């Protein structure tokens, strides 16, 4: 889920439409609305945020510090003018990247993924992994073959890959895929998406790489042993 902070409603609506076309959930706030929300946001809410896009608002050099008190998600500043002074001010304020608009949302997705990997100490590629995701809307490669996935299953797989080895609860996946403010679906829909995803991965790999455990959720199994030829029982949802 992406959060766009800009005092111009037309801008937040424009990015929302762009992310929606890519199958990515987003929400737009004015700077005041965002500060009000951030003040009362709880842990699971903040963990659902994939990145913050900081646009045009009067206090934007102070917003990154407020975000860092609660989240380590990437902060990308959207700059209308290529002025060195503004760029330096934004980096000094704590943003992770500064991009000049207009910019396609696919580039934002890729930049976010690069920042996240760097922040989490991950390399861009894991040579032993049989699952490769691209984070720009492309279908993943599973065991060397392209696997076409519906958007929500793709986002779940991308999120599991990005947090490989860590348990993600059903609520965390739901908030990431559907957003914090979507009440039209029950979070149990995640079970259906994951079940379908696991079946497709199992058909491609010959085993189920997703572990599930009650009260803990889901995690992507370490693929190193599998790629080295070791086998194990398939796990079904």
Protein backbone atom coordinates (compact mmCIF):
# COMPACT_ATOMS: atom_id res chain seq x y z
CA UNK A 1 0.00 0.00 0.00
CA UNK A 2 1.29 3.45 -0.97
CA UNK A 3 0.49 6.68 0.82
CA UNK A 4 0.52 9.87 -1.26
CA UNK A 5 0.81 13.13 0.69
CA UNK A 6 -0.06 16.24 -1.30
CA UNK A 7 -2.26 19.25 -0.57
CA UNK A 8 -3.62 19.13 -4.14
CA UNK A 9 -6.51 16.68 -4.36
CA UNK A 10 -6.11 16.39 -8.13
CA UNK A 11 -2.57 15.05 -7.60
CA UNK A 12 -3.52 12.43 -5.00
CA UNK A 13 -6.42 11.30 -7.19
CA UNK A 14 -4.13 11.08 -10.21
CA UNK A 15 -1.63 8.86 -8.45
CA UNK A 16 -4.44 6.75 -7.01
CA UNK A 17 -5.69 6.09 -10.54
CA UNK A 18 -2.17 5.25 -11.72
CA UNK A 19 -1.54 2.79 -8.90
CA UNK A 20 -4.96 1.24 -9.40
CA UNK A 21 -4.10 0.49 -13.04
CA UNK A 22 -1.06 -1.42 -11.77
CA UNK A 23 -3.13 -3.32 -9.22
CA UNK A 24 -1.57 -1.50 -6.27
CA UNK A 25 -3.57 -0.05 -3.40
CA UNK A 26 -2.96 3.58 -2.44
CA UNK A 27 -4.49 6.34 -0.34
CA UNK A 28 -4.11 10.09 -0.68
CA UNK A 29 -3.89 12.58 2.20
CA UNK A 30 -3.44 16.28 2.53
CA UNK A 31 -0.56 17.10 4.88
CA UNK A 32 -2.95 17.91 7.74
CA UNK A 33 -5.01 14.75 7.20
CA UNK A 34 -1.84 12.70 7.10
CA UNK A 35 -0.50 14.10 10.36
CA UNK A 36 -3.86 13.41 12.05
CA UNK A 37 -3.84 9.83 10.75
CA UNK A 38 -0.19 9.16 11.59
CA UNK A 39 -0.67 10.36 15.15
CA UNK A 40 -3.26 7.68 15.87
CA UNK A 41 -1.99 4.91 13.54
CA UNK A 42 -1.15 1.61 15.23
CA UNK A 43 1.54 -0.93 14.41
CA UNK A 44 -0.34 -3.09 11.90
CA UNK A 45 -1.54 0.02 10.07
CA UNK A 46 1.97 1.37 9.64
CA UNK A 47 3.40 -2.03 8.65
CA UNK A 48 0.98 -2.15 5.71
CA UNK A 49 2.62 0.88 4.10
CA UNK A 50 4.99 -0.02 1.28
CA UNK A 51 6.17 3.54 0.73
CA UNK A 52 5.29 7.18 1.26
CA UNK A 53 5.18 9.62 -1.67
CA UNK A 54 5.74 13.16 -0.51
CA UNK A 55 4.38 15.78 -2.87
CA UNK A 56 3.63 19.48 -2.62
CA UNK A 57 2.75 20.63 0.89
CA UNK A 58 3.90 23.55 2.98
CA UNK A 59 5.57 21.52 5.75
CA UNK A 60 7.05 18.70 3.73
CA UNK A 61 10.57 19.06 5.12
CA UNK A 62 9.24 18.17 8.58
CA UNK A 63 6.97 15.28 7.53
CA UNK A 64 9.81 12.74 6.94
CA UNK A 65 10.92 13.05 10.56
CA UNK A 66 7.36 12.38 11.74
CA UNK A 67 7.18 9.31 9.51
CA UNK A 68 10.51 7.96 10.78
CA UNK A 69 9.18 7.97 14.33
CA UNK A 70 6.80 5.19 13.29
CA UNK A 71 7.96 3.59 10.04
CA UNK A 72 11.06 2.55 8.10
CA UNK A 73 9.19 2.37 4.78
CA UNK A 74 10.79 4.26 1.88
CA UNK A 75 9.98 7.96 1.55
CA UNK A 76 10.12 9.24 -2.02
CA UNK A 77 9.80 12.97 -2.61
CA UNK A 78 8.10 14.21 -5.77
CA UNK A 79 9.80 17.35 -7.05
CA UNK A 80 8.23 19.65 -9.64
CA UNK A 81 11.38 21.72 -10.26
CA UNK A 82 14.92 20.49 -10.85
CA UNK A 83 16.50 22.80 -8.32
CA UNK A 84 19.59 21.54 -6.50
CA UNK A 85 18.66 23.53 -3.39
CA UNK A 86 15.27 21.80 -3.10
CA UNK A 87 16.78 18.37 -3.72
CA UNK A 88 19.40 18.83 -1.00
CA UNK A 89 16.79 20.13 1.45
CA UNK A 90 14.64 17.04 0.90
CA UNK A 91 17.52 14.61 1.41
CA UNK A 92 18.58 16.49 4.53
CA UNK A 93 14.98 16.22 5.76
CA UNK A 94 15.26 12.43 5.63
CA UNK A 95 13.75 11.24 2.35
CA UNK A 96 15.25 8.19 0.65
CA UNK A 97 14.89 9.39 -2.93
CA UNK A 98 13.90 12.47 -4.91
CA UNK A 99 12.24 12.08 -8.30
CA UNK A 100 11.15 14.70 -10.77
CA UNK A 101 7.59 14.64 -12.03
CA UNK A 102 5.97 13.53 -14.20
CA UNK A 103 7.00 9.97 -13.36
CA UNK A 104 5.30 6.68 -14.17
CA UNK A 105 4.08 4.67 -11.19
CA UNK A 106 6.01 1.63 -12.45
CA UNK A 107 9.24 3.55 -11.92
CA UNK A 108 8.06 4.43 -8.42
CA UNK A 109 7.43 0.73 -7.74
CA UNK A 110 10.93 -0.22 -8.91
CA UNK A 111 12.61 2.58 -6.94
CA UNK A 112 10.68 1.53 -3.84
CA UNK A 113 11.84 -2.07 -4.23
CA UNK A 114 15.49 -1.00 -4.61
CA UNK A 115 15.32 1.20 -1.50
CA UNK A 116 13.65 -1.58 0.51
CA UNK A 117 16.29 -4.13 -0.48
CA UNK A 118 19.07 -1.73 0.46
CA UNK A 119 17.43 -0.85 3.78
CA UNK A 120 16.85 -4.50 4.67
CA UNK A 121 20.36 -5.52 3.63
CA UNK A 122 19.12 -7.75 0.81
CA UNK A 123 20.85 -8.19 -2.51
CA UNK A 124 18.87 -7.69 -5.68
CA UNK A 125 19.10 -11.37 -6.63
CA UNK A 126 19.31 -14.54 -4.59
CA UNK A 127 21.21 -17.01 -6.77
CA UNK A 128 19.64 -20.03 -5.08
CA UNK A 129 16.07 -18.75 -5.30
CA UNK A 130 13.69 -20.37 -7.78
CA UNK A 131 11.23 -17.50 -7.47
CA UNK A 132 12.03 -14.23 -9.19
CA UNK A 133 9.74 -11.19 -8.96
CA UNK A 134 10.23 -7.91 -10.79
CA UNK A 135 8.04 -5.47 -8.80
CA UNK A 136 7.04 -3.50 -11.89
CA UNK A 137 3.94 -5.40 -12.94
CA UNK A 138 5.73 -8.18 -14.86
CA UNK A 139 4.73 -11.76 -14.22
CA UNK A 140 7.21 -13.64 -12.00
CA UNK A 141 9.58 -16.37 -13.09
CA UNK A 142 9.03 -19.60 -11.17
CA UNK A 143 11.62 -22.30 -11.65
CA UNK A 144 12.82 -20.53 -14.80
CA UNK A 145 9.35 -20.29 -16.35
CA UNK A 146 7.03 -17.29 -16.48
CA UNK A 147 3.90 -17.73 -14.40
CA UNK A 148 0.94 -15.47 -15.16
CA UNK A 149 -0.80 -14.46 -11.93
CA UNK A 150 -3.83 -12.33 -11.10
CA UNK A 151 -2.77 -9.02 -9.62
CA UNK A 152 -3.64 -9.79 -6.02
CA UNK A 153 -1.86 -13.14 -6.06
CA UNK A 154 1.14 -11.39 -7.64
CA UNK A 155 1.19 -8.73 -4.91
CA UNK A 156 1.00 -11.40 -2.22
CA UNK A 157 3.93 -13.26 -3.78
CA UNK A 158 5.94 -10.03 -4.08
CA UNK A 159 5.26 -9.23 -0.43
CA UNK A 160 6.27 -12.73 0.69
CA UNK A 161 9.47 -12.54 -1.36
CA UNK A 162 10.24 -9.11 0.08
CA UNK A 163 9.87 -10.50 3.60
CA UNK A 164 11.29 -13.95 2.93
CA UNK A 165 11.80 -15.97 6.08
CA UNK A 166 9.47 -13.77 8.12
CA UNK A 167 5.96 -14.63 9.21
CA UNK A 168 3.23 -12.36 7.82
CA UNK A 169 -0.20 -12.50 9.40
CA UNK A 170 -3.40 -12.62 7.42
CA UNK A 171 -4.17 -9.09 8.62
CA UNK A 172 -0.81 -7.79 7.42
CA UNK A 173 -1.28 -9.31 3.98
CA UNK A 174 -4.85 -8.02 3.77
CA UNK A 175 -3.85 -4.47 4.70
CA UNK A 176 -1.02 -4.55 2.19
CA UNK A 177 -3.11 -5.92 -0.69
CA UNK A 178 -6.50 -4.32 -0.05
CA UNK A 179 -5.48 -1.27 1.95
CA UNK A 180 -6.35 -0.06 5.41
CA UNK A 181 -9.64 1.53 4.49
CA UNK A 182 -11.37 -1.12 2.36
CA UNK A 183 -14.36 -2.52 4.26
CA UNK A 184 -15.95 -4.20 1.24
CA UNK A 185 -13.95 -7.41 1.77
CA UNK A 186 -13.35 -9.66 4.76
CA UNK A 187 -9.70 -10.40 5.52
CA UNK A 188 -10.46 -14.14 5.19
CA UNK A 189 -10.33 -13.56 1.41
CA UNK A 190 -6.54 -13.75 1.83
CA UNK A 191 -6.86 -17.48 2.57
CA UNK A 192 -8.44 -18.03 -0.85
CA UNK A 193 -5.78 -15.99 -2.66
CA UNK A 194 -2.93 -17.78 -0.88
CA UNK A 195 -4.48 -21.20 -1.50
CA UNK A 196 -4.67 -20.54 -5.25
CA UNK A 197 -1.16 -19.12 -5.28
CA UNK A 198 0.27 -22.14 -3.46
CA UNK A 199 -1.34 -24.53 -5.93
CA UNK A 200 0.21 -22.70 -8.90
CA UNK A 201 3.64 -22.54 -7.26
CA UNK A 202 3.43 -26.23 -6.38
CA UNK A 203 2.62 -27.10 -10.00
CA UNK A 204 5.68 -25.17 -11.20
CA UNK A 205 8.16 -26.18 -8.50
CA UNK A 206 6.99 -29.63 -7.46
CA UNK A 207 6.67 -28.54 -3.84
CA UNK A 208 4.90 -25.87 -1.81
CA UNK A 209 7.27 -23.01 -0.87
CA UNK A 210 4.76 -21.24 1.38
CA UNK A 211 4.47 -22.29 5.00
CA UNK A 212 1.36 -21.57 7.01
CA UNK A 213 0.81 -21.74 10.75
CA UNK A 214 -2.21 -20.86 12.83
CA UNK A 215 -1.95 -17.50 14.61
CA UNK A 216 1.33 -16.76 12.80
CA UNK A 217 0.19 -16.56 9.19
CA UNK A 218 2.36 -17.29 6.16
CA UNK A 219 6.00 -17.15 5.20
CA UNK A 220 8.03 -18.03 2.13
CA UNK A 221 10.24 -21.02 2.83
CA UNK A 222 14.01 -20.75 2.39
CA UNK A 223 14.54 -21.94 -1.16
CA UNK A 224 18.25 -22.70 -0.82
CA UNK A 225 17.87 -26.33 0.20
CA UNK A 226 15.27 -26.95 -2.49
CA UNK A 227 17.46 -25.52 -5.22
CA UNK A 228 20.32 -27.74 -4.04
CA UNK A 229 18.23 -30.77 -4.81
CA UNK A 230 16.80 -31.63 -1.41
CA UNK A 231 13.16 -32.56 -1.33
CA UNK A 232 10.45 -32.45 1.23
CA UNK A 233 6.73 -33.07 1.62
CA UNK A 234 4.34 -30.64 -0.01
CA UNK A 235 2.31 -28.57 2.39
CA UNK A 236 -1.29 -27.90 1.57
CA UNK A 237 -3.41 -25.02 2.76
